[in-house]
Amino acid sequence: MNRTTDLLLTALAPAIWGSSYIVATELLPHGYPLTVSLLRALPAGLILLLVVRQLPQSGWWGKVLILGALNFAIFWSMLFLAAYRLPGGVAATLGAVQPLFVLFLARFALGSTIKLAGIIAAISGIFGVALLVLDPSATLDPVGIASATIGALSMAAGTVLTRKWQPPVSPLTFTAWQLTAGGVLLIPVALILEPSFPVPTLENLAGLAWLGLIGAALTYYLWFRGIAKLGPATVTSFGFLSPTSAVLLGWIILGEQLSPTQIAGVVIVLASIWIGQRAARPMAAPSSSPPPVESARPETAPRTS
């Protein structure tokens, strides 16, 4: 596949993640965010393990647990805690700092170059997301702010380390390992902090199937594949598509109003993604072929008087 196809497939992941809000609010019981995260990650990871039929070798168990914690257990726990303590717009705006974290973490962990255009794209994306979802009258909660920031930092670190630690297996296998590890780590958190999950209805099962099979297994396979092929600096700006698609789906499906400010936010987000891709594009390698040699001219005998 060419680079354009890889970019489009990777961008599909956060675009689908934007549907999580509608699915969770319309199809799932309220008040069980950690249990929903567990039921989203663990069954999807186990299904993928049955498909790939491969477990990590001895040297990879620790790394897989760390990645499962960063990309799922810690990230989702902090995400939902922030959602409970903060208005949704504030939580989404704080979460949008993740691409900025990725740029600096990739510099230290991978030796990537930090380009001014990349920083401009990250800051512009945060501003665009703020226009999309932020309510000027929103109240701020210190615990919620800390949770959203930790969640963004956790996902950023997971994105960078997913590129740094590349096992000799397929992206599907790597996704299965991380989802399973994240789900296992969420078990004690959900059991301790939340009441028992009610018996699911058919509607609940449909929502869990979407979040697990599509919103976790498929999308994280595309995301981790994109990280491996394109690098963290390239894929991270696509994260802005998640709140953007959530707002657009609310407008299309739920009939929510889309204000001129939000439309401007969509435009700014798309522009920031374009700038981010341009900034992360690898420079063309110089040609290794030697320069053309001018044809030799026959020497002329010196003229004698």
Protein backbone atom coordinates (compact mmCIF):
# COMPACT_ATOMS: atom_id res chain seq x y z
CA MET A 1 0.00 0.00 0.00
CA ASN A 2 1.14 3.55 -0.66
CA ARG A 3 1.48 6.28 1.95
CA THR A 4 -1.89 7.85 1.13
CA THR A 5 -3.70 4.57 1.78
CA ASP A 6 -1.83 4.13 5.06
CA LEU A 7 -2.81 7.66 6.12
CA LEU A 8 -6.49 7.12 5.29
CA LEU A 9 -6.66 3.78 7.10
CA THR A 10 -5.00 5.27 10.18
CA ALA A 11 -7.32 8.30 10.16
CA LEU A 12 -10.30 5.94 10.11
CA ALA A 13 -9.51 4.83 13.69
CA PRO A 14 -10.05 8.16 15.52
CA ALA A 15 -12.96 8.97 13.20
CA ILE A 16 -14.68 5.80 14.46
CA TRP A 17 -13.69 6.57 18.07
CA GLY A 18 -15.86 9.65 17.77
CA SER A 19 -18.91 7.36 17.68
CA SER A 20 -18.16 6.06 21.18
CA TYR A 21 -20.03 8.91 22.86
CA ILE A 22 -23.28 8.28 20.96
CA VAL A 23 -23.04 4.51 21.43
CA ALA A 24 -22.31 4.83 25.15
CA THR A 25 -25.10 7.33 25.83
CA GLU A 26 -27.74 5.79 23.58
CA LEU A 27 -27.14 2.03 23.91
CA LEU A 28 -25.42 1.39 27.25
CA PRO A 29 -26.46 1.80 30.90
CA HIS A 30 -25.07 4.91 32.55
CA GLY A 31 -22.69 4.91 35.49
CA TYR A 32 -20.39 2.02 34.52
CA PRO A 33 -17.54 3.60 32.54
CA LEU A 34 -14.76 1.36 33.86
CA THR A 35 -16.82 -1.82 33.43
CA VAL A 36 -17.69 -0.73 29.90
CA SER A 37 -13.99 -0.14 29.23
CA LEU A 38 -13.23 -3.62 30.55
CA LEU A 39 -15.95 -5.18 28.40
CA ARG A 40 -14.69 -3.20 25.44
CA ALA A 41 -11.04 -4.26 25.75
CA LEU A 42 -10.88 -7.78 27.16
CA PRO A 43 -13.36 -9.67 24.92
CA ALA A 44 -11.93 -7.96 21.82
CA GLY A 45 -8.39 -8.87 22.88
CA LEU A 46 -9.33 -12.49 23.59
CA ILE A 47 -11.11 -12.81 20.24
CA LEU A 48 -8.03 -11.50 18.46
CA LEU A 49 -5.84 -13.90 20.44
CA LEU A 50 -7.99 -16.78 19.20
CA VAL A 51 -7.43 -15.51 15.66
CA VAL A 52 -3.66 -15.00 15.83
CA ARG A 53 -2.96 -17.90 18.26
CA GLN A 54 0.27 -16.38 19.49
CA LEU A 55 1.31 -15.20 22.95
CA PRO A 56 4.20 -12.87 23.80
CA GLN A 57 7.55 -14.50 24.39
CA SER A 58 9.19 -14.20 27.80
CA GLY A 59 11.00 -10.94 27.10
CA TRP A 60 7.84 -9.16 25.94
CA TRP A 61 5.39 -9.71 28.81
CA GLY A 62 6.53 -6.67 30.78
CA LYS A 63 6.45 -4.37 27.75
CA VAL A 64 3.01 -5.59 26.72
CA LEU A 65 1.66 -4.94 30.22
CA ILE A 66 3.12 -1.42 30.19
CA LEU A 67 1.59 -0.71 26.78
CA GLY A 68 -1.75 -2.20 27.82
CA ALA A 69 -1.73 0.07 30.87
CA LEU A 70 -0.76 3.23 28.96
CA ASN A 71 -2.98 2.76 25.90
CA PHE A 72 -6.02 1.31 27.67
CA ALA A 73 -6.18 0.83 31.45
CA ILE A 74 -4.75 4.18 32.57
CA PHE A 75 -5.93 6.13 29.53
CA TRP A 76 -9.55 4.97 29.65
CA SER A 77 -9.74 5.24 33.47
CA MET A 78 -8.48 8.83 33.42
CA LEU A 79 -10.65 9.64 30.41
CA PHE A 80 -13.84 8.60 32.15
CA LEU A 81 -12.84 10.16 35.47
CA ALA A 82 -12.27 13.45 33.65
CA ALA A 83 -15.62 13.08 31.91
CA TYR A 84 -17.34 12.76 35.29
CA ARG A 85 -15.48 15.67 36.91
CA LEU A 86 -15.44 18.08 33.96
CA PRO A 87 -17.86 19.27 31.29
CA GLY A 88 -17.31 17.24 28.12
CA GLY A 89 -15.87 20.18 26.21
CA VAL A 90 -13.21 20.87 28.81
CA ALA A 91 -12.22 17.20 28.97
CA ALA A 92 -12.00 16.96 25.17
CA THR A 93 -9.93 20.14 24.91
CA LEU A 94 -7.47 18.97 27.55
CA GLY A 95 -7.26 15.59 25.85
CA ALA A 96 -6.34 17.35 22.62
CA VAL A 97 -2.92 18.22 24.06
CA GLN A 98 -1.89 14.62 23.35
CA PRO A 99 -0.28 15.39 19.93
CA LEU A 100 1.88 18.03 21.60
CA PHE A 101 3.02 15.49 24.19
CA VAL A 102 3.80 12.99 21.42
CA LEU A 103 6.11 15.43 19.62
CA PHE A 104 8.27 15.94 22.71
CA LEU A 105 8.18 12.33 23.92
CA ALA A 106 9.14 11.11 20.45
CA ARG A 107 12.09 13.51 20.50
CA PHE A 108 13.48 11.95 23.67
CA ALA A 109 12.48 8.32 23.09
CA LEU A 110 12.98 8.02 19.33
CA GLY A 111 15.27 10.93 18.47
CA SER A 112 12.63 12.47 16.19
CA THR A 113 13.04 16.04 15.06
CA ILE A 114 10.64 18.61 16.46
CA LYS A 115 9.58 20.92 13.65
CA LEU A 116 7.99 24.32 14.12
CA ALA A 117 5.20 23.33 11.71
CA GLY A 118 4.44 20.31 13.89
CA ILE A 119 4.10 22.49 17.00
CA ILE A 120 1.90 24.95 15.11
CA ALA A 121 -0.29 22.08 13.90
CA ALA A 122 -0.66 20.69 17.44
CA ILE A 123 -1.56 24.07 18.96
CA SER A 124 -3.95 24.85 16.10
CA GLY A 125 -5.65 21.49 16.60
CA ILE A 126 -6.17 22.22 20.31
CA PHE A 127 -7.71 25.58 19.39
CA GLY A 128 -9.95 23.96 16.79
CA VAL A 129 -11.17 21.32 19.25
CA ALA A 130 -11.84 24.08 21.80
CA LEU A 131 -14.05 25.89 19.27
CA LEU A 132 -15.87 22.62 18.58
CA VAL A 133 -16.69 21.54 22.09
CA LEU A 134 -15.76 24.12 24.72
CA ASP A 135 -18.45 26.06 26.57
CA PRO A 136 -17.11 29.45 27.77
CA SER A 137 -19.12 29.12 30.98
CA ALA A 138 -17.70 25.69 31.82
CA THR A 139 -16.42 25.20 35.36
CA LEU A 140 -12.98 23.74 36.08
CA ASP A 141 -12.25 21.00 38.60
CA PRO A 142 -8.62 20.35 39.68
CA VAL A 143 -9.07 16.57 39.89
CA GLY A 144 -10.78 16.51 36.50
CA ILE A 145 -8.05 18.64 34.92
CA ALA A 146 -5.35 16.38 36.37
CA SER A 147 -7.18 13.27 35.16
CA ALA A 148 -7.57 14.59 31.60
CA THR A 149 -3.91 15.63 31.48
CA ILE A 150 -2.70 12.28 32.82
CA GLY A 151 -4.92 10.48 30.33
CA ALA A 152 -3.50 12.47 27.41
CA LEU A 153 0.06 11.89 28.64
CA SER A 154 -0.62 8.17 29.07
CA MET A 155 -1.94 7.77 25.52
CA ALA A 156 0.94 9.86 24.16
CA ALA A 157 3.50 7.70 25.95
CA GLY A 158 1.73 4.56 24.73
CA THR A 159 1.78 5.84 21.16
CA VAL A 160 5.51 6.56 21.27
CA LEU A 161 6.45 3.30 23.03
CA THR A 162 4.28 1.31 20.61
CA ARG A 163 6.68 2.52 17.91
CA LYS A 164 9.80 2.07 20.03
CA TRP A 165 8.89 -1.48 21.08
CA GLN A 166 8.05 -3.28 17.85
CA PRO A 167 7.96 -7.07 18.33
CA PRO A 168 8.58 -9.34 15.34
CA VAL A 169 4.86 -10.06 14.93
CA SER A 170 1.99 -8.67 12.85
CA PRO A 171 0.13 -5.51 13.93
CA LEU A 172 -2.96 -7.68 14.56
CA THR A 173 -1.04 -9.83 17.03
CA PHE A 174 0.43 -6.77 18.75
CA THR A 175 -3.08 -5.32 19.04
CA ALA A 176 -4.40 -8.57 20.55
CA TRP A 177 -1.66 -8.53 23.20
CA GLN A 178 -2.24 -4.92 24.22
CA LEU A 179 -6.04 -5.12 24.33
CA THR A 180 -5.92 -8.27 26.45
CA ALA A 181 -3.35 -6.78 28.82
CA GLY A 182 -5.36 -3.57 29.16
CA GLY A 183 -8.55 -5.50 29.82
CA VAL A 184 -6.92 -7.69 32.49
CA LEU A 185 -5.52 -4.61 34.24
CA LEU A 186 -8.99 -3.02 34.25
CA ILE A 187 -10.61 -5.98 36.07
CA PRO A 188 -9.62 -5.02 39.64
CA VAL A 189 -10.26 -1.31 39.00
CA ALA A 190 -13.80 -1.96 37.74
CA LEU A 191 -14.61 -4.48 40.48
CA ILE A 192 -13.42 -2.18 43.26
CA LEU A 193 -14.75 1.17 42.07
CA GLU A 194 -18.06 0.30 40.41
CA PRO A 195 -21.23 -1.61 41.30
CA SER A 196 -22.19 -4.82 39.56
CA PHE A 197 -23.06 -4.40 35.90
CA PRO A 198 -26.77 -5.11 35.20
CA VAL A 199 -27.84 -8.00 33.01
CA PRO A 200 -27.31 -6.61 29.49
CA THR A 201 -30.21 -6.16 27.12
CA LEU A 202 -29.98 -6.78 23.38
CA GLU A 203 -29.46 -3.05 22.97
CA ASN A 204 -26.59 -3.12 25.47
CA LEU A 205 -25.01 -6.11 23.70
CA ALA A 206 -25.21 -4.28 20.36
CA GLY A 207 -23.45 -1.28 21.88
CA LEU A 208 -20.75 -3.44 23.49
CA ALA A 209 -20.24 -5.33 20.23
CA TRP A 210 -19.70 -2.05 18.36
CA LEU A 211 -17.32 -0.66 20.98
CA GLY A 212 -15.38 -3.91 21.25
CA LEU A 213 -15.19 -5.29 17.72
CA ILE A 214 -15.20 -2.02 15.77
CA GLY A 215 -14.23 0.65 18.30
CA ALA A 216 -11.41 -1.40 19.84
CA ALA A 217 -10.27 -4.43 17.80
CA LEU A 218 -10.51 -2.89 14.33
CA THR A 219 -9.58 0.69 15.18
CA TYR A 220 -6.60 -0.11 17.39
CA TYR A 221 -5.31 -2.53 14.78
CA LEU A 222 -5.44 0.35 12.27
CA TRP A 223 -3.92 2.74 14.82
CA PHE A 224 -1.00 0.49 15.84
CA ARG A 225 -0.42 -0.42 12.19
CA GLY A 226 -0.26 3.28 11.35
CA ILE A 227 2.21 3.95 14.17
CA ALA A 228 4.46 1.16 12.89
CA LYS A 229 4.34 2.31 9.26
CA LEU A 230 4.14 6.10 9.59
CA GLY A 231 5.52 6.96 13.02
CA PRO A 232 3.95 8.66 16.07
CA ALA A 233 4.50 12.23 14.83
CA THR A 234 2.53 11.48 11.68
CA VAL A 235 -0.45 9.66 13.19
CA THR A 236 -0.94 11.68 16.36
CA SER A 237 -2.60 14.67 14.68
CA PHE A 238 -5.36 12.33 13.49
CA GLY A 239 -6.50 12.21 17.12
CA PHE A 240 -8.23 15.55 16.51
CA LEU A 241 -10.69 13.67 14.30
CA SER A 242 -12.25 11.95 17.31
CA PRO A 243 -14.00 15.00 18.88
CA THR A 244 -14.67 16.32 15.38
CA SER A 245 -16.50 13.18 14.29
CA ALA A 246 -18.36 13.09 17.63
CA VAL A 247 -19.73 16.59 17.01
CA LEU A 248 -20.60 15.81 13.39
CA LEU A 249 -22.34 12.55 14.32
CA GLY A 250 -24.33 14.40 16.98
CA TRP A 251 -25.44 16.83 14.30
CA ILE A 252 -26.29 14.11 11.76
CA ILE A 253 -27.82 11.44 14.03
CA LEU A 254 -29.10 13.30 17.08
CA GLY A 255 -30.13 16.50 15.31
CA GLU A 256 -27.88 18.70 17.45
CA GLN A 257 -27.24 22.24 16.25
CA LEU A 258 -23.92 23.06 14.61
CA SER A 259 -22.95 26.67 15.29
CA PRO A 260 -20.74 28.87 13.08
CA THR A 261 -18.06 28.64 15.78
CA GLN A 262 -18.12 24.85 15.59
CA ILE A 263 -17.93 24.96 11.79
CA ALA A 264 -14.84 27.16 12.14
CA GLY A 265 -13.46 24.59 14.60
CA VAL A 266 -13.93 21.81 12.04
CA VAL A 267 -12.06 23.83 9.41
CA ILE A 268 -9.20 24.61 11.81
CA VAL A 269 -8.93 20.96 12.90
CA LEU A 270 -8.74 19.75 9.30
CA ALA A 271 -6.16 22.42 8.49
CA SER A 272 -4.07 21.45 11.54
CA ILE A 273 -4.12 17.79 10.46
CA TRP A 274 -2.95 18.77 6.99
CA ILE A 275 -0.14 20.90 8.43
CA GLY A 276 0.81 18.09 10.80
CA GLN A 277 1.07 15.61 7.94
CA ARG A 278 3.21 18.00 5.92
CA ALA A 279 5.49 18.57 8.91
CA ALA A 280 5.89 14.85 9.59
CA ARG A 281 6.45 13.87 5.97
CA PRO A 282 9.92 12.34 5.57
CA MET A 283 12.34 14.34 3.51
CA ALA A 284 13.32 12.85 0.20
CA ALA A 285 16.69 11.17 0.39
CA PRO A 286 19.39 12.71 -1.78
CA SER A 287 20.16 10.87 -4.95
CA SER A 288 23.07 8.44 -4.59
CA SER A 289 23.96 8.46 -8.27
CA PRO A 290 27.16 10.33 -9.08
CA PRO A 291 26.92 13.60 -10.94
CA PRO A 292 27.26 13.35 -14.68
CA VAL A 293 30.82 13.58 -15.92
CA GLU A 294 31.53 15.91 -18.74
CA SER A 295 32.93 14.23 -21.80
CA ALA A 296 36.67 14.64 -22.08
CA ARG A 297 37.97 16.79 -24.84
CA PRO A 298 41.06 15.64 -26.74
CA GLU A 299 44.08 17.60 -25.83
CA THR A 300 45.34 19.90 -28.51
CA ALA A 301 49.02 20.16 -29.11
CA PRO A 302 50.54 23.43 -28.06
CA ARG A 303 51.04 25.78 -30.90
CA THR A 304 54.60 26.52 -31.70
CA SER A 305 55.81 29.61 -33.30
